[in-house]
Protein backbone atom coordinates (compact mmCIF):
# COMPACT_ATOMS: atom_id res chain seq x y z
CA MET A 1 -1.53 46.64 22.58
CA LYS A 2 -3.75 43.16 22.45
CA ILE A 3 -3.81 41.42 19.10
CA LEU A 4 -7.48 39.60 19.04
CA HIS A 5 -7.25 36.06 17.94
CA GLY A 6 -10.40 34.11 17.68
CA GLY A 7 -13.48 33.30 15.22
CA ASP A 8 -17.26 32.26 15.10
CA TYR A 9 -18.55 29.75 17.49
CA PHE A 10 -22.20 27.88 17.48
CA PRO A 11 -22.41 26.14 20.84
CA GLU A 12 -26.29 25.71 20.23
CA GLN A 13 -25.60 22.53 18.31
CA TRP A 14 -23.94 21.22 21.51
CA LEU A 15 -26.48 22.41 24.38
CA ASP A 16 -27.51 19.04 24.98
CA GLN A 17 -24.17 17.55 25.38
CA PRO A 18 -22.31 19.82 27.86
CA GLU A 19 -19.03 17.70 27.51
CA VAL A 20 -18.56 18.81 23.99
CA LEU A 21 -18.90 22.53 25.47
CA GLU A 22 -16.59 21.75 28.34
CA GLU A 23 -13.86 20.24 25.67
CA ASP A 24 -14.35 23.04 23.22
CA PHE A 25 -13.90 25.88 25.92
CA ALA A 26 -10.47 23.79 27.03
CA LEU A 27 -9.10 23.82 23.37
CA LEU A 28 -10.14 27.45 22.78
CA LYS A 29 -7.73 28.33 25.86
CA ALA A 30 -5.11 26.02 24.76
CA ALA A 31 -5.20 28.00 21.44
CA ASN A 32 -5.05 31.34 23.24
CA ILE A 33 -8.34 32.28 21.43
CA ASN A 34 -9.38 35.69 23.35
CA THR A 35 -12.31 36.86 21.33
CA ILE A 36 -15.17 34.39 19.76
CA THR A 37 -18.48 35.54 17.76
CA VAL A 38 -21.89 33.93 19.08
CA GLY A 39 -25.16 33.80 17.69
CA MET A 40 -24.34 35.52 14.59
CA PHE A 41 -27.31 34.24 12.83
CA ALA A 42 -29.72 34.18 15.67
C-alpha cells in the first residue's frame, strides 16, 4: 500500500521563471511528495 503525500501546487505564477519551477520540483522530490493538485481554480 502506498500512502499519498502532497498538496496543492500553482505553477502558473512562475511560468516566466523556469529556475523557480526547477527548484520547486527538486524540493518536492526531496520532501518525498508523490501527488500534487494542479489547476484547481483553472
